[in-house]
Amino acid sequence: MGILDKIVGKKEKMDDSEALDAIATCPHTVMLPRWDRAEDIGHPEMATEYVCEACGSIMSPEEAREVEAGQADRLREITAVGKSEAVPEQ
């Protein structure tokens, strides 16, 4: 344990099933493209993979397109859950 971990408090490491649950529930709202060749940078159609900024999952361009297509529905589900658990105004 490092000195900073002692001061701040070390976070517990997630087991594999918890990590998979976190990735499965992530809305993947920010997908960052990656390219194999420098000359392809800036051309989304040439991206070889996409990385979710929130959970770090790596997806193929096809998977990223599928995720992007369902983003609106996932965000509606997430916000609906948040609204139903909200404290009613007084």
PDB file of N, CA and C in Angstrom:
ATOM      1  N   MET A   1       0.853  -1.177   0.000  1.00  0.00           N
ATOM      2  CA  MET A   1       0.000   0.000   0.000  1.00  0.00           C
ATOM      3  C   MET A   1       0.896   1.235   0.000  1.00  0.00           C
ATOM      4  N   GLY A   2       0.623   2.161  -0.917  1.00  0.00           N
ATOM      5  CA  GLY A   2       1.405   3.379  -1.006  1.00  0.00           C
ATOM      6  C   GLY A   2       0.980   4.391   0.037  1.00  0.00           C
ATOM      7  N   ILE A   3       1.789   5.407   0.206  1.00  0.00           N
ATOM      8  CA  ILE A   3       1.490   6.425   1.208  1.00  0.00           C
ATOM      9  C   ILE A   3       0.214   7.188   0.875  1.00  0.00           C
ATOM     10  N   LEU A   4      -0.018   7.438  -0.420  1.00  0.00           N
ATOM     11  CA  LEU A   4      -1.237   8.134  -0.814  1.00  0.00           C
ATOM     12  C   LEU A   4      -2.466   7.275  -0.519  1.00  0.00           C
ATOM     13  N   ASP A   5      -2.345   5.967  -0.728  1.00  0.00           N
ATOM     14  CA  ASP A   5      -3.458   5.069  -0.411  1.00  0.00           C
ATOM     15  C   ASP A   5      -3.771   5.102   1.078  1.00  0.00           C
ATOM     16  N   LYS A   6      -2.745   5.210   1.908  1.00  0.00           N
ATOM     17  CA  LYS A   6      -2.952   5.271   3.360  1.00  0.00           C
ATOM     18  C   LYS A   6      -3.662   6.560   3.756  1.00  0.00           C
ATOM     19  N   ILE A   7      -3.312   7.660   3.099  1.00  0.00           N
ATOM     20  CA  ILE A   7      -3.910   8.949   3.439  1.00  0.00           C
ATOM     21  C   ILE A   7      -5.347   9.028   2.945  1.00  0.00           C
ATOM     22  N   VAL A   8      -5.562   8.702   1.676  1.00  0.00           N
ATOM     23  CA  VAL A   8      -6.872   8.845   1.053  1.00  0.00           C
ATOM     24  C   VAL A   8      -7.769   7.659   1.341  1.00  0.00           C
ATOM     25  N   GLY A   9      -7.214   6.502   1.491  1.00  0.00           N
ATOM     26  CA  GLY A   9      -7.993   5.284   1.680  1.00  0.00           C
ATOM     27  C   GLY A   9      -8.083   4.537   0.378  1.00  0.00           C
ATOM     28  N   LYS A  10      -7.637   3.321   0.373  1.00  0.00           N
ATOM     29  CA  LYS A  10      -7.592   2.541  -0.859  1.00  0.00           C
ATOM     30  C   LYS A  10      -8.977   2.036  -1.204  1.00  0.00           C
ATOM     31  N   LYS A  11      -9.350   2.168  -2.473  1.00  0.00           N
ATOM     32  CA  LYS A  11     -10.630   1.643  -2.940  1.00  0.00           C
ATOM     33  C   LYS A  11     -10.534   0.131  -3.058  1.00  0.00           C
ATOM     34  N   GLU A  12     -11.648  -0.524  -2.747  1.00  0.00           N
ATOM     35  CA  GLU A  12     -11.668  -1.972  -2.895  1.00  0.00           C
ATOM     36  C   GLU A  12     -11.766  -2.330  -4.366  1.00  0.00           C
ATOM     37  N   LYS A  13     -11.078  -3.377  -4.751  1.00  0.00           N
ATOM     38  CA  LYS A  13     -11.081  -3.827  -6.135  1.00  0.00           C
ATOM     39  C   LYS A  13     -12.358  -4.623  -6.403  1.00  0.00           C
ATOM     40  N   MET A  14     -12.999  -4.369  -7.557  1.00  0.00           N
ATOM     41  CA  MET A  14     -14.212  -5.094  -7.927  1.00  0.00           C
ATOM     42  C   MET A  14     -13.845  -6.483  -8.442  1.00  0.00           C
ATOM     43  N   ASP A  15     -14.692  -7.468  -8.137  1.00  0.00           N
ATOM     44  CA  ASP A  15     -14.459  -8.785  -8.726  1.00  0.00           C
ATOM     45  C   ASP A  15     -15.007  -8.781 -10.152  1.00  0.00           C
ATOM     46  N   ASP A  16     -14.770  -9.846 -10.885  1.00  0.00           N
ATOM     47  CA  ASP A  16     -15.130  -9.895 -12.304  1.00  0.00           C
ATOM     48  C   ASP A  16     -16.621  -9.705 -12.550  1.00  0.00           C
ATOM     49  N   SER A  17     -17.475 -10.304 -11.718  1.00  0.00           N
ATOM     50  CA  SER A  17     -18.916 -10.184 -11.944  1.00  0.00           C
ATOM     51  C   SER A  17     -19.393  -8.753 -11.714  1.00  0.00           C
ATOM     52  N   GLU A  18     -18.827  -8.067 -10.722  1.00  0.00           N
ATOM     53  CA  GLU A  18     -19.189  -6.667 -10.488  1.00  0.00           C
ATOM     54  C   GLU A  18     -18.731  -5.791 -11.648  1.00  0.00           C
ATOM     55  N   ALA A  19     -17.557  -6.068 -12.169  1.00  0.00           N
ATOM     56  CA  ALA A  19     -17.041  -5.299 -13.306  1.00  0.00           C
ATOM     57  C   ALA A  19     -17.925  -5.500 -14.530  1.00  0.00           C
ATOM     58  N   LEU A  20     -18.361  -6.737 -14.774  1.00  0.00           N
ATOM     59  CA  LEU A  20     -19.246  -7.004 -15.917  1.00  0.00           C
ATOM     60  C   LEU A  20     -20.590  -6.318 -15.745  1.00  0.00           C
ATOM     61  N   ASP A  21     -21.121  -6.292 -14.512  1.00  0.00           N
ATOM     62  CA  ASP A  21     -22.381  -5.596 -14.257  1.00  0.00           C
ATOM     63  C   ASP A  21     -22.241  -4.100 -14.511  1.00  0.00           C
ATOM     64  N   ALA A  22     -21.115  -3.523 -14.106  1.00  0.00           N
ATOM     65  CA  ALA A  22     -20.883  -2.091 -14.321  1.00  0.00           C
ATOM     66  C   ALA A  22     -20.812  -1.781 -15.807  1.00  0.00           C
ATOM     67  N   ILE A  23     -20.151  -2.629 -16.566  1.00  0.00           N
ATOM     68  CA  ILE A  23     -20.056  -2.423 -18.009  1.00  0.00           C
ATOM     69  C   ILE A  23     -21.420  -2.607 -18.665  1.00  0.00           C
ATOM     70  N   ALA A  24     -22.178  -3.606 -18.218  1.00  0.00           N
ATOM     71  CA  ALA A  24     -23.490  -3.880 -18.809  1.00  0.00           C
ATOM     72  C   ALA A  24     -24.468  -2.742 -18.551  1.00  0.00           C
ATOM     73  N   THR A  25     -24.355  -2.064 -17.417  1.00  0.00           N
ATOM     74  CA  THR A  25     -25.292  -0.986 -17.096  1.00  0.00           C
ATOM     75  C   THR A  25     -24.807   0.373 -17.560  1.00  0.00           C
ATOM     76  N   CYS A  26     -23.598   0.459 -18.080  1.00  0.00           N
ATOM     77  CA  CYS A  26     -23.055   1.725 -18.556  1.00  0.00           C
ATOM     78  C   CYS A  26     -23.808   2.159 -19.812  1.00  0.00           C
ATOM     79  N   PRO A  27     -24.216   3.418 -19.900  1.00  0.00           N
ATOM     80  CA  PRO A  27     -24.930   3.870 -21.092  1.00  0.00           C
ATOM     81  C   PRO A  27     -24.015   4.115 -22.290  1.00  0.00           C
ATOM     82  N   HIS A  28     -22.705   4.058 -22.103  1.00  0.00           N
ATOM     83  CA  HIS A  28     -21.738   4.262 -23.189  1.00  0.00           C
ATOM     84  C   HIS A  28     -22.060   5.535 -23.983  1.00  0.00           C
ATOM     85  N   THR A  29     -22.232   6.642 -23.282  1.00  0.00           N
ATOM     86  CA  THR A  29     -22.614   7.882 -23.958  1.00  0.00           C
ATOM     87  C   THR A  29     -21.454   8.564 -24.680  1.00  0.00           C
ATOM     88  N   VAL A  30     -20.221   8.313 -24.247  1.00  0.00           N
ATOM     89  CA  VAL A  30     -19.060   8.920 -24.912  1.00  0.00           C
ATOM     90  C   VAL A  30     -18.154   7.802 -25.407  1.00  0.00           C
ATOM     91  N   MET A  31     -18.195   7.573 -26.713  1.00  0.00           N
ATOM     92  CA  MET A  31     -17.376   6.544 -27.337  1.00  0.00           C
ATOM     93  C   MET A  31     -16.236   7.219 -28.092  1.00  0.00           C
ATOM     94  N   LEU A  32     -15.003   6.908 -27.713  1.00  0.00           N
ATOM     95  CA  LEU A  32     -13.834   7.521 -28.342  1.00  0.00           C
ATOM     96  C   LEU A  32     -13.251   6.589 -29.390  1.00  0.00           C
ATOM     97  N   PRO A  33     -13.101   7.075 -30.634  1.00  0.00           N
ATOM     98  CA  PRO A  33     -12.541   6.224 -31.689  1.00  0.00           C
ATOM     99  C   PRO A  33     -11.029   6.071 -31.538  1.00  0.00           C
ATOM    100  N   ARG A  34     -10.530   4.941 -32.011  1.00  0.00           N
ATOM    101  CA  ARG A  34      -9.082   4.695 -32.079  1.00  0.00           C
ATOM    102  C   ARG A  34      -8.764   4.191 -33.480  1.00  0.00           C
ATOM    103  N   TRP A  35      -7.583   4.561 -33.950  1.00  0.00           N
ATOM    104  CA  TRP A  35      -7.153   4.174 -35.287  1.00  0.00           C
ATOM    105  C   TRP A  35      -5.832   3.428 -35.209  1.00  0.00           C
ATOM    106  N   ASP A  36      -5.587   2.544 -36.168  1.00  0.00           N
ATOM    107  CA  ASP A  36      -4.323   1.818 -36.245  1.00  0.00           C
ATOM    108  C   ASP A  36      -3.236   2.641 -36.923  1.00  0.00           C
ATOM    109  N   ARG A  37      -3.633   3.498 -37.844  1.00  0.00           N
ATOM    110  CA  ARG A  37      -2.643   4.272 -38.610  1.00  0.00           C
ATOM    111  C   ARG A  37      -2.849   5.762 -38.358  1.00  0.00           C
ATOM    112  N   ALA A  38      -1.754   6.490 -38.232  1.00  0.00           N
ATOM    113  CA  ALA A  38      -1.813   7.924 -37.951  1.00  0.00           C
ATOM    114  C   ALA A  38      -2.537   8.686 -39.052  1.00  0.00           C
ATOM    115  N   GLU A  39      -2.367   8.281 -40.291  1.00  0.00           N
ATOM    116  CA  GLU A  39      -3.005   8.999 -41.392  1.00  0.00           C
ATOM    117  C   GLU A  39      -4.531   8.826 -41.415  1.00  0.00           C
ATOM    118  N   ASP A  40      -5.051   7.852 -40.664  1.00  0.00           N
ATOM    119  CA  ASP A  40      -6.496   7.633 -40.602  1.00  0.00           C
ATOM    120  C   ASP A  40      -7.177   8.488 -39.531  1.00  0.00           C
ATOM    121  N   ILE A  41      -6.390   9.076 -38.635  1.00  0.00           N
ATOM    122  CA  ILE A  41      -6.949   9.853 -37.526  1.00  0.00           C
ATOM    123  C   ILE A  41      -7.816  10.983 -38.071  1.00  0.00           C
ATOM    124  N   GLY A  42      -8.995  11.127 -37.480  1.00  0.00           N
ATOM    125  CA  GLY A  42      -9.934  12.158 -37.899  1.00  0.00           C
ATOM    126  C   GLY A  42     -10.982  11.673 -38.875  1.00  0.00           C
ATOM    127  N   HIS A  43     -10.835  10.443 -39.352  1.00  0.00           N
ATOM    128  CA  HIS A  43     -11.812   9.858 -40.273  1.00  0.00           C
ATOM    129  C   HIS A  43     -12.562   8.746 -39.527  1.00  0.00           C
ATOM    130  N   PRO A  44     -13.753   9.038 -39.015  1.00  0.00           N
ATOM    131  CA  PRO A  44     -14.483   8.047 -38.210  1.00  0.00           C
ATOM    132  C   PRO A  44     -14.705   6.717 -38.928  1.00  0.00           C
ATOM    133  N   GLU A  45     -14.865   6.754 -40.228  1.00  0.00           N
ATOM    134  CA  GLU A  45     -15.090   5.509 -40.978  1.00  0.00           C
ATOM    135  C   GLU A  45     -13.854   4.615 -41.001  1.00  0.00           C
ATOM    136  N   MET A  46     -12.690   5.157 -40.656  1.00  0.00           N
ATOM    137  CA  MET A  46     -11.444   4.391 -40.639  1.00  0.00           C
ATOM    138  C   MET A  46     -11.068   3.904 -39.236  1.00  0.00           C
ATOM    139  N   ALA A  47     -11.872   4.237 -38.217  1.00  0.00           N
ATOM    140  CA  ALA A  47     -11.579   3.811 -36.849  1.00  0.00           C
ATOM    141  C   ALA A  47     -11.610   2.288 -36.753  1.00  0.00           C
ATOM    142  N   THR A  48     -10.681   1.729 -35.996  1.00  0.00           N
ATOM    143  CA  THR A  48     -10.609   0.276 -35.857  1.00  0.00           C
ATOM    144  C   THR A  48     -11.282  -0.224 -34.592  1.00  0.00           C
ATOM    145  N   GLU A  49     -11.450   0.661 -33.596  1.00  0.00           N
ATOM    146  CA  GLU A  49     -12.160   0.297 -32.372  1.00  0.00           C
ATOM    147  C   GLU A  49     -12.633   1.561 -31.682  1.00  0.00           C
ATOM    148  N   TYR A  50     -13.556   1.386 -30.744  1.00  0.00           N
ATOM    149  CA  TYR A  50     -14.084   2.485 -29.947  1.00  0.00           C
ATOM    150  C   TYR A  50     -13.964   2.120 -28.485  1.00  0.00           C
ATOM    151  N   VAL A  51     -13.667   3.111 -27.642  1.00  0.00           N
ATOM    152  CA  VAL A  51     -13.512   2.895 -26.213  1.00  0.00           C
ATOM    153  C   VAL A  51     -14.518   3.779 -25.483  1.00  0.00           C
ATOM    154  N   CYS A  52     -15.270   3.181 -24.568  1.00  0.00           N
ATOM    155  CA  CYS A  52     -16.211   3.939 -23.755  1.00  0.00           C
ATOM    156  C   CYS A  52     -15.405   4.707 -22.714  1.00  0.00           C
ATOM    157  N   GLU A  53     -15.605   6.012 -22.661  1.00  0.00           N
ATOM    158  CA  GLU A  53     -14.855   6.838 -21.725  1.00  0.00           C
ATOM    159  C   GLU A  53     -15.230   6.532 -20.276  1.00  0.00           C
ATOM    160  N   ALA A  54     -16.463   6.130 -20.022  1.00  0.00           N
ATOM    161  CA  ALA A  54     -16.919   5.893 -18.657  1.00  0.00           C
ATOM    162  C   ALA A  54     -16.442   4.558 -18.080  1.00  0.00           C
ATOM    163  N   CYS A  55     -16.641   3.469 -18.818  1.00  0.00           N
ATOM    164  CA  CYS A  55     -16.337   2.147 -18.266  1.00  0.00           C
ATOM    165  C   CYS A  55     -15.090   1.515 -18.852  1.00  0.00           C
ATOM    166  N   GLY A  56     -14.577   2.080 -19.946  1.00  0.00           N
ATOM    167  CA  GLY A  56     -13.353   1.562 -20.547  1.00  0.00           C
ATOM    168  C   GLY A  56     -13.532   0.350 -21.435  1.00  0.00           C
ATOM    169  N   SER A  57     -14.767  -0.045 -21.706  1.00  0.00           N
ATOM    170  CA  SER A  57     -14.965  -1.208 -22.573  1.00  0.00           C
ATOM    171  C   SER A  57     -14.577  -0.862 -24.008  1.00  0.00           C
ATOM    172  N   ILE A  58     -14.000  -1.830 -24.697  1.00  0.00           N
ATOM    173  CA  ILE A  58     -13.540  -1.657 -26.070  1.00  0.00           C
ATOM    174  C   ILE A  58     -14.507  -2.366 -26.994  1.00  0.00           C
ATOM    175  N   MET A  59     -14.926  -1.664 -28.047  1.00  0.00           N
ATOM    176  CA  MET A  59     -15.898  -2.222 -28.988  1.00  0.00           C
ATOM    177  C   MET A  59     -15.411  -2.064 -30.415  1.00  0.00           C
ATOM    178  N   SER A  60     -15.866  -2.974 -31.256  1.00  0.00           N
ATOM    179  CA  SER A  60     -15.587  -2.864 -32.689  1.00  0.00           C
ATOM    180  C   SER A  60     -16.453  -1.740 -33.256  1.00  0.00           C
ATOM    181  N   PRO A  61     -16.134  -1.256 -34.451  1.00  0.00           N
ATOM    182  CA  PRO A  61     -16.982  -0.215 -35.048  1.00  0.00           C
ATOM    183  C   PRO A  61     -18.447  -0.647 -35.189  1.00  0.00           C
ATOM    184  N   GLU A  62     -18.682  -1.916 -35.502  1.00  0.00           N
ATOM    185  CA  GLU A  62     -20.058  -2.411 -35.630  1.00  0.00           C
ATOM    186  C   GLU A  62     -20.779  -2.368 -34.282  1.00  0.00           C
ATOM    187  N   GLU A  63     -20.108  -2.830 -33.232  1.00  0.00           N
ATOM    188  CA  GLU A  63     -20.703  -2.796 -31.896  1.00  0.00           C
ATOM    189  C   GLU A  63     -20.974  -1.358 -31.466  1.00  0.00           C
ATOM    190  N   ALA A  64     -20.054  -0.462 -31.760  1.00  0.00           N
ATOM    191  CA  ALA A  64     -20.229   0.947 -31.391  1.00  0.00           C
ATOM    192  C   ALA A  64     -21.437   1.546 -32.102  1.00  0.00           C
ATOM    193  N   ARG A  65     -21.660   1.183 -33.367  1.00  0.00           N
ATOM    194  CA  ARG A  65     -22.833   1.676 -34.096  1.00  0.00           C
ATOM    195  C   ARG A  65     -24.130   1.163 -33.453  1.00  0.00           C
ATOM    196  N   GLU A  66     -24.121  -0.106 -33.026  1.00  0.00           N
ATOM    197  CA  GLU A  66     -25.297  -0.671 -32.357  1.00  0.00           C
ATOM    198  C   GLU A  66     -25.565   0.044 -31.040  1.00  0.00           C
ATOM    199  N   VAL A  67     -24.507   0.292 -30.291  1.00  0.00           N
ATOM    200  CA  VAL A  67     -24.644   1.004 -29.015  1.00  0.00           C
ATOM    201  C   VAL A  67     -25.182   2.402 -29.256  1.00  0.00           C
ATOM    202  N   GLU A  68     -24.639   3.081 -30.252  1.00  0.00           N
ATOM    203  CA  GLU A  68     -25.076   4.436 -30.577  1.00  0.00           C
ATOM    204  C   GLU A  68     -26.550   4.459 -30.972  1.00  0.00           C
ATOM    205  N   ALA A  69     -26.989   3.451 -31.700  1.00  0.00           N
ATOM    206  CA  ALA A  69     -28.383   3.390 -32.134  1.00  0.00           C
ATOM    207  C   ALA A  69     -29.342   3.254 -30.950  1.00  0.00           C
ATOM    208  N   GLY A  70     -28.908   2.608 -29.875  1.00  0.00           N
ATOM    209  CA  GLY A  70     -29.772   2.408 -28.716  1.00  0.00           C
ATOM    210  C   GLY A  70     -29.536   3.385 -27.579  1.00  0.00           C
ATOM    211  N   GLN A  71     -28.706   4.404 -27.777  1.00  0.00           N
ATOM    212  CA  GLN A  71     -28.374   5.326 -26.698  1.00  0.00           C
ATOM    213  C   GLN A  71     -29.588   6.080 -26.171  1.00  0.00           C
ATOM    214  N   ALA A  72     -30.418   6.563 -27.036  1.00  0.00           N
ATOM    215  CA  ALA A  72     -31.570   7.355 -26.594  1.00  0.00           C
ATOM    216  C   ALA A  72     -32.473   6.535 -25.684  1.00  0.00           C
ATOM    217  N   ASP A  73     -32.732   5.277 -26.053  1.00  0.00           N
ATOM    218  CA  ASP A  73     -33.585   4.421 -25.226  1.00  0.00           C
ATOM    219  C   ASP A  73     -32.949   4.153 -23.868  1.00  0.00           C
ATOM    220  N   ARG A  74     -31.645   3.865 -23.861  1.00  0.00           N
ATOM    221  CA  ARG A  74     -30.964   3.599 -22.587  1.00  0.00           C
ATOM    222  C   ARG A  74     -30.975   4.818 -21.681  1.00  0.00           C
ATOM    223  N   LEU A  75     -30.759   5.994 -22.241  1.00  0.00           N
ATOM    224  CA  LEU A  75     -30.773   7.208 -21.427  1.00  0.00           C
ATOM    225  C   LEU A  75     -32.169   7.490 -20.881  1.00  0.00           C
ATOM    226  N   ARG A  76     -33.212   7.210 -21.675  1.00  0.00           N
ATOM    227  CA  ARG A  76     -34.577   7.369 -21.177  1.00  0.00           C
ATOM    228  C   ARG A  76     -34.837   6.430 -20.003  1.00  0.00           C
ATOM    229  N   GLU A  77     -34.360   5.181 -20.101  1.00  0.00           N
ATOM    230  CA  GLU A  77     -34.532   4.213 -19.013  1.00  0.00           C
ATOM    231  C   GLU A  77     -33.822   4.677 -17.751  1.00  0.00           C
ATOM    232  N   ILE A  78     -32.600   5.159 -17.914  1.00  0.00           N
ATOM    233  CA  ILE A  78     -31.821   5.600 -16.760  1.00  0.00           C
ATOM    234  C   ILE A  78     -32.478   6.792 -16.086  1.00  0.00           C
ATOM    235  N   THR A  79     -32.918   7.761 -16.868  1.00  0.00           N
ATOM    236  CA  THR A  79     -33.542   8.939 -16.268  1.00  0.00           C
ATOM    237  C   THR A  79     -34.910   8.607 -15.684  1.00  0.00           C
ATOM    238  N   ALA A  80     -35.627   7.651 -16.245  1.00  0.00           N
ATOM    239  CA  ALA A  80     -36.922   7.257 -15.693  1.00  0.00           C
ATOM    240  C   ALA A  80     -36.728   6.604 -14.332  1.00  0.00           C
ATOM    241  N   VAL A  81     -35.703   5.790 -14.181  1.00  0.00           N
ATOM    242  CA  VAL A  81     -35.423   5.164 -12.891  1.00  0.00           C
ATOM    243  C   VAL A  81     -35.081   6.227 -11.871  1.00  0.00           C
ATOM    244  N   GLY A  82     -34.287   7.207 -12.266  1.00  0.00           N
ATOM    245  CA  GLY A  82     -33.917   8.294 -11.364  1.00  0.00           C
ATOM    246  C   GLY A  82     -35.108   9.108 -10.925  1.00  0.00           C
ATOM    247  N   LYS A  83     -36.048   9.359 -11.825  1.00  0.00           N
ATOM    248  CA  LYS A  83     -37.232  10.138 -11.499  1.00  0.00           C
ATOM    249  C   LYS A  83     -38.148   9.388 -10.554  1.00  0.00           C
ATOM    250  N   SER A  84     -38.283   8.078 -10.724  1.00  0.00           N
ATOM    251  CA  SER A  84     -39.188   7.311  -9.868  1.00  0.00           C
ATOM    252  C   SER A  84     -38.658   7.192  -8.456  1.00  0.00           C
ATOM    253  N   GLU A  85     -37.330   7.323  -8.288  1.00  0.00           N
ATOM    254  CA  GLU A  85     -36.739   7.225  -6.958  1.00  0.00           C
ATOM    255  C   GLU A  85     -36.564   8.590  -6.305  1.00  0.00           C
ATOM    256  N   ALA A  86     -36.899   9.649  -7.029  1.00  0.00           N
ATOM    257  CA  ALA A  86     -36.698  10.997  -6.512  1.00  0.00           C
ATOM    258  C   ALA A  86     -37.677  11.280  -5.370  1.00  0.00           C
ATOM    259  N   VAL A  87     -37.254  12.144  -4.487  1.00  0.00           N
ATOM    260  CA  VAL A  87     -38.095  12.547  -3.358  1.00  0.00           C
ATOM    261  C   VAL A  87     -39.133  13.536  -3.884  1.00  0.00           C
ATOM    262  N   PRO A  88     -40.411  13.327  -3.561  1.00  0.00           N
ATOM    263  CA  PRO A  88     -41.449  14.250  -4.042  1.00  0.00           C
ATOM    264  C   PRO A  88     -41.258  15.639  -3.452  1.00  0.00           C
ATOM    265  N   GLU A  89     -41.591  16.653  -4.265  1.00  0.00           N
ATOM    266  CA  GLU A  89     -41.466  18.032  -3.793  1.00  0.00           C
ATOM    267  C   GLU A  89     -42.534  18.318  -2.756  1.00  0.00           C
ATOM    268  N   GLN A  90     -42.195  19.189  -1.809  1.00  0.00           N
ATOM    269  CA  GLN A  90     -43.167  19.541  -0.742  1.00  0.00           C
ATOM    270  C   GLN A  90     -43.656  20.923  -0.916  1.00  0.00           C
TER     271      GLN A  90
END
